[in-house]
Amino acid sequence: MSASEPNLLLMGLRASGKSTIARALAESQERDLVELDQMVLGRFDDCESVTQIFERHGESAFRSAEANALRRVLNERHGAIVSLGGGAPTAPGVESAIRAARRSGEAIVVYLRLEPRALRARMASQSEADAEQRPSLTGADPLDEIEAVFAARDPLYRVLATKVIEGERPVEHALEELAGWTGWREGA
């Protein structure tokens, strides 16, 4: 990838399809794939999941590692498809890093936006193993906190996004829309 090619950052709440779309898009566009949650997980040798990091080290330690990982990606990678963790834009310093990367043309940011009921349906249909990967953010059951997390994050995600992909369509439709959108490849 050329040093001038922007990274494509996919953001959205948990279960919005970020990882699925990032993998498929990276493969179809022959781009590097970066899973930010996996990068962060690699920093905690004693943990096998994000939930364990939250339990053993606390959310602030996770968010700090998440912010450091994203800064490293933005400094070292070009033209990659980057799947942000659901809360990455809320980590200290990440909002400003994303804004700076957008302004400089180093990143294009896509918000995969689903309404709370669609997120709930996706999360409810996931396997128990997948559900265990998602820590509570408010102290409530992850299914019960969807509306509160959506209300808190949606305004920020909309402002940070270069493009918002709306809807409850299957992930394949969002992938088709994004794969057909050339703006990210041209630094829109």
Protein backbone atom coordinates (compact mmCIF):
# COMPACT_ATOMS: atom_id res chain seq x y z
CA MET A 1 0.00 0.00 0.00
CA SER A 2 1.19 3.48 -0.74
CA ALA A 3 1.96 5.77 2.18
CA SER A 4 -0.61 8.17 0.72
CA GLU A 5 -3.51 5.70 0.85
CA PRO A 6 -5.84 6.36 3.76
CA ASN A 7 -6.84 3.71 6.22
CA LEU A 8 -10.54 2.86 6.24
CA LEU A 9 -11.78 2.88 9.84
CA LEU A 10 -15.03 1.00 10.49
CA MET A 11 -16.81 2.02 13.67
CA GLY A 12 -20.15 1.18 15.21
CA LEU A 13 -21.67 -0.33 18.27
CA ARG A 14 -21.17 -3.97 19.15
CA ALA A 15 -22.91 -6.32 16.73
CA SER A 16 -23.02 -3.70 13.96
CA GLY A 17 -20.97 -5.95 11.65
CA LYS A 18 -17.59 -4.19 11.85
CA SER A 19 -15.45 -7.32 12.01
CA THR A 20 -17.45 -9.23 9.42
CA ILE A 21 -17.42 -6.35 6.96
CA ALA A 22 -13.76 -5.53 7.62
CA ARG A 23 -12.66 -9.11 6.90
CA ALA A 24 -14.70 -9.40 3.72
CA LEU A 25 -13.73 -5.94 2.47
CA ALA A 26 -10.02 -6.49 3.19
CA GLU A 27 -10.16 -9.73 1.25
CA SER A 28 -12.12 -8.36 -1.71
CA GLN A 29 -10.01 -5.18 -1.93
CA GLU A 30 -6.73 -6.99 -1.22
CA ARG A 31 -6.04 -4.74 1.76
CA ASP A 32 -4.45 -5.41 5.12
CA LEU A 33 -6.90 -6.10 7.92
CA VAL A 34 -6.46 -4.68 11.42
CA GLU A 35 -8.78 -5.81 14.22
CA LEU A 36 -8.19 -3.28 16.98
CA ASP A 37 -9.72 -5.48 19.70
CA GLN A 38 -7.30 -8.28 18.76
CA MET A 39 -4.35 -5.89 18.93
CA VAL A 40 -5.42 -4.80 22.40
CA LEU A 41 -6.02 -8.36 23.52
CA GLY A 42 -2.44 -9.17 22.54
CA ARG A 43 -1.26 -6.60 25.11
CA PHE A 44 -2.83 -8.52 28.00
CA ASP A 45 -1.11 -11.91 28.25
CA ASP A 46 -3.29 -13.01 31.16
CA CYS A 47 -6.59 -12.49 29.31
CA GLU A 48 -8.37 -14.39 26.57
CA SER A 49 -11.20 -11.92 25.96
CA VAL A 50 -12.12 -8.27 26.23
CA THR A 51 -14.48 -9.23 29.08
CA GLN A 52 -11.53 -10.68 31.01
CA ILE A 53 -9.53 -7.49 30.46
CA PHE A 54 -12.43 -5.47 31.87
CA GLU A 55 -12.73 -7.84 34.85
CA ARG A 56 -9.02 -8.14 35.67
CA HIS A 57 -7.63 -4.75 34.68
CA GLY A 58 -10.64 -2.46 34.37
CA GLU A 59 -12.19 -0.59 31.50
CA SER A 60 -9.75 2.32 31.79
CA ALA A 61 -6.75 0.01 31.20
CA PHE A 62 -8.50 -1.45 28.17
CA ARG A 63 -9.39 1.99 26.76
CA SER A 64 -5.82 3.23 27.28
CA ALA A 65 -4.43 0.21 25.41
CA GLU A 66 -7.07 0.73 22.71
CA ALA A 67 -6.05 4.37 22.23
CA ASN A 68 -2.37 3.41 22.02
CA ALA A 69 -3.12 0.67 19.50
CA LEU A 70 -5.11 3.01 17.25
CA ARG A 71 -2.41 5.67 17.36
CA ARG A 72 0.11 3.02 16.35
CA VAL A 73 -2.10 1.90 13.45
CA LEU A 74 -2.60 5.47 12.25
CA ASN A 75 1.16 6.13 12.40
CA GLU A 76 2.37 2.87 10.86
CA ARG A 77 -0.32 1.57 8.48
CA HIS A 78 -1.61 2.92 5.18
CA GLY A 79 -4.48 1.63 3.09
CA ALA A 80 -5.60 -0.90 5.73
CA ILE A 81 -9.14 -1.83 6.66
CA VAL A 82 -9.37 -1.20 10.41
CA SER A 83 -12.18 -2.57 12.55
CA LEU A 84 -12.40 -0.41 15.65
CA GLY A 85 -13.74 -1.79 18.88
CA GLY A 86 -17.28 -0.62 19.59
CA GLY A 87 -16.16 1.91 22.17
CA ALA A 88 -12.83 2.91 20.64
CA PRO A 89 -13.96 6.44 19.69
CA THR A 90 -14.79 7.07 23.36
CA ALA A 91 -11.31 6.15 24.62
CA PRO A 92 -9.25 9.10 25.87
CA GLY A 93 -7.53 10.82 22.96
CA VAL A 94 -9.10 8.67 20.24
CA GLU A 95 -11.69 11.21 19.09
CA SER A 96 -8.97 13.79 18.47
CA ALA A 97 -6.72 11.20 16.77
CA ILE A 98 -9.55 10.23 14.41
CA ARG A 99 -10.36 13.86 13.66
CA ALA A 100 -6.69 14.61 12.92
CA ALA A 101 -6.36 11.53 10.69
CA ARG A 102 -9.47 12.58 8.75
CA ARG A 103 -8.26 16.15 8.34
CA SER A 104 -4.87 15.01 7.07
CA GLY A 105 -6.41 12.48 4.67
CA GLU A 106 -4.85 9.56 6.52
CA ALA A 107 -8.21 7.99 7.41
CA ILE A 108 -11.70 7.61 6.06
CA VAL A 109 -14.22 6.78 8.79
CA VAL A 110 -17.37 4.73 8.16
CA TYR A 111 -20.05 4.42 10.83
CA LEU A 112 -22.06 1.22 10.56
CA ARG A 113 -25.23 2.49 12.25
CA LEU A 114 -28.01 0.22 13.41
CA GLU A 115 -30.94 1.14 15.62
CA PRO A 116 -31.01 -0.44 19.09
CA ARG A 117 -33.68 -3.03 18.24
CA ALA A 118 -31.57 -4.33 15.33
CA LEU A 119 -28.47 -4.46 17.54
CA ARG A 120 -30.47 -6.31 20.19
CA ALA A 121 -31.69 -8.86 17.66
CA ARG A 122 -28.15 -9.48 16.40
CA MET A 123 -26.72 -9.79 19.89
CA ALA A 124 -29.54 -12.08 21.03
CA SER A 125 -28.89 -14.41 18.10
CA GLN A 126 -25.17 -14.75 18.79
CA SER A 127 -23.62 -17.81 20.28
CA GLU A 128 -22.88 -17.93 24.00
CA ALA A 129 -19.15 -17.79 23.25
CA ASP A 130 -19.60 -14.59 21.21
CA ALA A 131 -21.79 -13.07 23.93
CA GLU A 132 -19.09 -13.75 26.52
CA GLN A 133 -16.70 -11.59 24.47
CA ARG A 134 -18.82 -8.50 25.11
CA PRO A 135 -18.40 -6.96 28.56
CA SER A 136 -21.06 -4.91 30.26
CA LEU A 137 -20.44 -1.20 29.82
CA THR A 138 -22.95 0.07 32.38
CA GLY A 139 -23.18 -2.78 34.88
CA ALA A 140 -26.38 -4.04 33.24
CA ASP A 141 -26.73 -7.07 31.01
CA PRO A 142 -25.29 -6.16 27.57
CA LEU A 143 -28.72 -6.63 25.97
CA ASP A 144 -30.32 -4.29 28.51
CA GLU A 145 -27.79 -1.49 28.03
CA ILE A 146 -28.08 -1.16 24.24
CA GLU A 147 -30.36 1.90 24.26
CA ALA A 148 -28.23 3.80 26.78
CA VAL A 149 -24.98 3.02 24.96
CA PHE A 150 -26.54 3.94 21.61
CA ALA A 151 -27.85 7.25 22.97
CA ALA A 152 -24.45 8.11 24.42
CA ARG A 153 -22.34 7.18 21.39
CA ASP A 154 -24.47 7.82 18.30
CA PRO A 155 -23.95 11.61 18.21
CA LEU A 156 -20.16 11.26 18.46
CA TYR A 157 -20.00 8.51 15.83
CA ARG A 158 -22.11 10.56 13.40
CA VAL A 159 -19.79 13.56 13.77
CA LEU A 160 -16.63 11.49 13.29
CA ALA A 161 -17.92 9.63 10.23
CA THR A 162 -16.98 10.40 6.66
CA LYS A 163 -19.83 8.10 5.63
CA VAL A 164 -22.73 6.62 7.61
CA ILE A 165 -24.18 3.32 6.44
CA GLU A 166 -27.66 3.12 7.93
CA GLY A 167 -30.01 0.28 8.30
CA GLU A 168 -31.00 -3.08 9.49
CA ARG A 169 -30.08 -4.75 6.25
CA PRO A 170 -28.02 -7.88 6.38
CA VAL A 171 -24.28 -7.36 6.60
CA GLU A 172 -23.94 -8.39 2.94
CA HIS A 173 -25.88 -5.31 1.82
CA ALA A 174 -23.69 -2.97 3.83
CA LEU A 175 -20.62 -4.70 2.40
CA GLU A 176 -21.92 -4.23 -1.15
CA GLU A 177 -22.60 -0.54 -0.51
CA LEU A 178 -19.15 0.02 0.94
CA ALA A 179 -17.32 -2.07 -1.67
CA GLY A 180 -19.04 -0.05 -4.38
CA TRP A 181 -18.22 3.27 -2.78
CA THR A 182 -14.95 4.48 -4.22
CA GLY A 183 -14.69 7.60 -2.06
CA TRP A 184 -12.62 5.86 0.59
CA ARG A 185 -10.05 4.75 -1.95
CA GLU A 186 -9.76 8.28 -3.28
CA GLY A 187 -9.39 9.90 0.15
CA ALA A 188 -12.90 11.40 0.15
